Every structure is written in structure tokens, then in C-alpha cells.
């Protein structure tokens, strides 16, 4: 029984033990469920990106993403956009590795500045994704939507 419990804890928390430094930023799907992570990130000054639903307080996170945090499709879409933005940022970072090394010698950028750069990249990705979705969904609006038209006397 103890070995099963140990294996379960290892799968849930095993990657945390391997951390050698604080993360530059964290991404949270449901801040009401993960309120402890939000509080610890705030206490450690780690920038937070989070999906914020109507039942959550957007002031608790640094970069709120207004969306439904219960629907798997919206979560999958947002995580896909975030992953693409992060991979683009990492590839740009590899290209600019020499300039980054020079910045670090001079004092470097803080976690907050890196998080703001990532937020700008993500905003651009979401804007592009929204225009792509709008272009696909060009339906003609219905007249008398909802059936609440005024009746003539």
C-alpha cells in the first residue's frame, strides 16, 4: 500500500523535486482550484499566466486570459497557442543567445520582463487565432434573433 502511495506522489510531485531554480513564469488553468499555487507564486514574485473564468478574481494573477476554464476545447486551444508562443520564444532565444549572454553580464532582464515579453507574444497569437476563427465563421446574421420581434398592432 505504501509503494502505491509513493508511486502516486512521485507522478504528481516528482518533477518539482528536480527544480534547481524558480521558474520564470507559471501557467494555471483554474485559479480557484489551484489557489495555493497562485498564492505561492505571488509570494515568490513569479509571474502568473492563468485562464480566468467568471467565478475567479482576475486581480490574483499577473496576466489573466479570460476564457472558460471548464471546457476542454477552450483549454486545449489556449494551451496550444501558449505552447506555440513558448516554442517560438525558445527558438528566438537560441538565435539571440549571444546577446542574451551579454545582457546577463550587464545585469540581465528580470523574470517579470521575460513574462511581459511572453505575454505580448501570446496576445499576438490570440489576436491571429481570433481573426482566423472569424474568417472561418462568416455566417449571415439571422434576423429576428431570439424571436423577440415587436408585433404590429
Protein backbone atom coordinates (compact mmCIF):
# COMPACT_ATOMS: atom_id res chain seq x y z
CA UNK A 1 0.00 0.00 0.00
CA UNK A 2 2.88 2.36 0.79
CA UNK A 3 4.54 1.64 -2.54
CA UNK A 4 1.34 2.54 -4.40
CA UNK A 5 1.04 5.77 -2.41
CA UNK A 6 4.71 6.57 -3.09
CA UNK A 7 4.26 5.93 -6.82
CA UNK A 8 1.19 8.18 -6.89
CA UNK A 9 3.01 11.00 -5.12
CA UNK A 10 6.02 10.56 -7.40
CA UNK A 11 3.86 11.02 -10.52
CA UNK A 12 2.13 14.07 -9.06
CA UNK A 13 5.10 15.85 -7.47
CA UNK A 14 8.19 14.19 -8.92
CA UNK A 15 9.12 16.95 -11.33
CA UNK A 16 9.03 19.56 -8.58
CA UNK A 17 11.89 17.84 -6.77
CA UNK A 18 14.12 18.22 -9.85
CA UNK A 19 13.83 22.02 -9.91
CA UNK A 20 17.15 23.75 -9.32
CA UNK A 21 15.81 27.31 -9.60
CA UNK A 22 12.50 29.13 -9.57
CA UNK A 23 10.51 29.09 -12.81
CA UNK A 24 10.40 32.25 -14.92
CA UNK A 25 6.61 32.08 -15.06
CA UNK A 26 3.78 29.66 -14.37
CA UNK A 27 0.60 28.87 -16.28
CA UNK A 28 -2.53 27.92 -14.34
CA UNK A 29 -5.75 26.61 -15.85
CA UNK A 30 -8.17 27.04 -12.91
CA UNK A 31 -7.07 29.60 -10.31
CA UNK A 32 -9.92 28.83 -7.95
CA UNK A 33 -8.86 25.18 -7.80
CA UNK A 34 -5.11 25.96 -7.73
CA UNK A 35 -5.34 28.89 -5.29
CA UNK A 36 -2.33 27.64 -3.32
CA UNK A 37 -0.10 27.81 -6.41
CA UNK A 38 -1.34 31.35 -7.11
CA UNK A 39 -0.55 32.48 -3.56
CA UNK A 40 2.92 30.89 -3.59
CA UNK A 41 3.74 32.43 -6.98
CA UNK A 42 2.65 35.83 -5.71
CA UNK A 43 4.74 35.39 -2.55
CA UNK A 44 7.82 34.38 -4.60
CA UNK A 45 7.25 37.12 -7.22
CA UNK A 46 6.80 34.59 -10.04
CA UNK A 47 4.68 35.98 -12.91
CA UNK A 48 1.48 34.02 -13.45
CA UNK A 49 -0.48 33.40 -16.63
CA UNK A 50 -3.92 31.96 -15.96
CA UNK A 51 -7.23 31.16 -17.56
CA UNK A 52 -9.75 33.21 -15.60
CA UNK A 53 -13.43 32.31 -15.64
CA UNK A 54 -16.32 34.40 -14.30
CA UNK A 55 -16.08 32.63 -10.95
CA UNK A 56 -12.45 33.72 -10.41
CA UNK A 57 -10.79 37.01 -9.47
CA UNK A 58 -8.56 38.26 -12.32
CA UNK A 59 -6.66 40.54 -9.92
CA UNK A 60 -4.99 37.48 -8.35
CA UNK A 61 -2.84 36.80 -11.44
CA UNK A 62 -0.44 38.96 -13.43
CA UNK A 63 -1.64 38.03 -16.93
CA UNK A 64 -5.28 36.83 -16.95
CA UNK A 65 -6.71 35.11 -20.02
CA UNK A 66 -10.50 35.47 -19.99
CA UNK A 67 -11.94 32.12 -21.07
CA UNK A 68 -13.93 29.14 -19.90
CA UNK A 69 -11.69 27.10 -17.63
CA UNK A 70 -14.12 24.16 -17.54
CA UNK A 71 -14.43 23.34 -21.26
CA UNK A 72 -11.75 21.00 -22.55
CA UNK A 73 -11.82 22.55 -26.03
CA UNK A 74 -11.10 26.08 -24.79
CA UNK A 75 -8.34 24.79 -22.51
CA UNK A 76 -6.81 22.79 -25.37
CA UNK A 77 -6.94 25.81 -27.70
CA UNK A 78 -5.31 28.15 -25.18
CA UNK A 79 -2.63 25.63 -24.23
CA UNK A 80 -1.90 25.06 -27.93
CA UNK A 81 -1.45 28.79 -28.52
CA UNK A 82 0.70 29.11 -25.38
CA UNK A 83 2.88 26.16 -26.43
CA UNK A 84 3.42 27.62 -29.89
CA UNK A 85 4.33 31.02 -28.41
CA UNK A 86 6.76 29.42 -25.97
CA UNK A 87 8.41 27.32 -28.69
CA UNK A 88 8.79 30.41 -30.89
CA UNK A 89 10.27 32.30 -27.96
CA UNK A 90 12.72 29.50 -27.25
CA UNK A 91 13.81 29.35 -30.89
CA UNK A 92 14.32 33.13 -30.92
CA UNK A 93 16.25 32.83 -27.66
CA UNK A 94 18.58 30.26 -29.24
CA UNK A 95 19.23 32.61 -32.16
CA UNK A 96 19.87 35.55 -29.83
CA UNK A 97 21.93 33.56 -27.32
CA UNK A 98 24.97 35.80 -27.75
CA UNK A 99 23.03 38.98 -26.98
CA UNK A 100 21.34 37.31 -24.02
CA UNK A 101 24.72 36.34 -22.58
CA UNK A 102 25.84 39.94 -22.93
CA UNK A 103 22.68 41.17 -21.16
CA UNK A 104 23.18 38.73 -18.31
CA UNK A 105 26.72 40.03 -17.78
CA UNK A 106 25.35 43.57 -17.60
CA UNK A 107 22.60 42.68 -15.15
CA UNK A 108 20.08 40.87 -17.33
CA UNK A 109 16.34 41.02 -17.59
CA UNK A 110 14.13 40.06 -14.68
CA UNK A 111 11.53 37.30 -14.65
CA UNK A 112 8.83 39.97 -14.89
CA UNK A 113 10.35 41.38 -18.10
CA UNK A 114 10.57 37.91 -19.66
CA UNK A 115 6.96 37.25 -18.68
CA UNK A 116 5.83 40.53 -20.25
CA UNK A 117 7.61 39.62 -23.49
CA UNK A 118 5.85 36.24 -23.44
CA UNK A 119 2.52 37.94 -22.76
CA UNK A 120 2.95 40.18 -25.80
CA UNK A 121 3.76 37.17 -27.97
CA UNK A 122 0.72 35.31 -26.67
CA UNK A 123 -1.55 38.33 -27.26
CA UNK A 124 -0.37 38.41 -30.85
CA UNK A 125 -1.08 34.70 -31.23
CA UNK A 126 -4.58 35.06 -29.74
CA UNK A 127 -5.35 38.02 -32.00
CA UNK A 128 -4.24 35.98 -35.02
CA UNK A 129 -6.24 32.96 -33.86
CA UNK A 130 -9.34 35.13 -33.34
CA UNK A 131 -9.12 36.63 -36.84
CA UNK A 132 -8.62 33.17 -38.32
CA UNK A 133 -11.73 31.95 -36.48
CA UNK A 134 -13.73 34.98 -37.62
CA UNK A 135 -12.72 34.39 -41.22
CA UNK A 136 -13.93 30.78 -40.99
CA UNK A 137 -17.22 31.67 -39.32
CA UNK A 138 -18.65 34.17 -41.78
CA UNK A 139 -22.30 33.33 -41.41
CA UNK A 140 -25.01 35.78 -42.26
CA UNK A 141 -26.67 37.09 -39.09
CA UNK A 142 -30.22 35.96 -38.55
CA UNK A 143 -32.98 38.47 -38.49
CA UNK A 144 -35.33 38.27 -35.54
CA UNK A 145 -32.70 36.50 -33.44
CA UNK A 146 -34.24 35.04 -30.35
CA UNK A 147 -37.82 35.55 -31.54
CA UNK A 148 -38.33 38.82 -29.70
CA UNK A 149 -39.53 40.94 -32.59
CA UNK A 150 -42.13 43.61 -31.99
CA UNK A 151 -45.59 42.63 -33.03
CA UNK A 152 -47.53 45.03 -35.20
CA UNK A 153 -50.91 46.10 -33.89
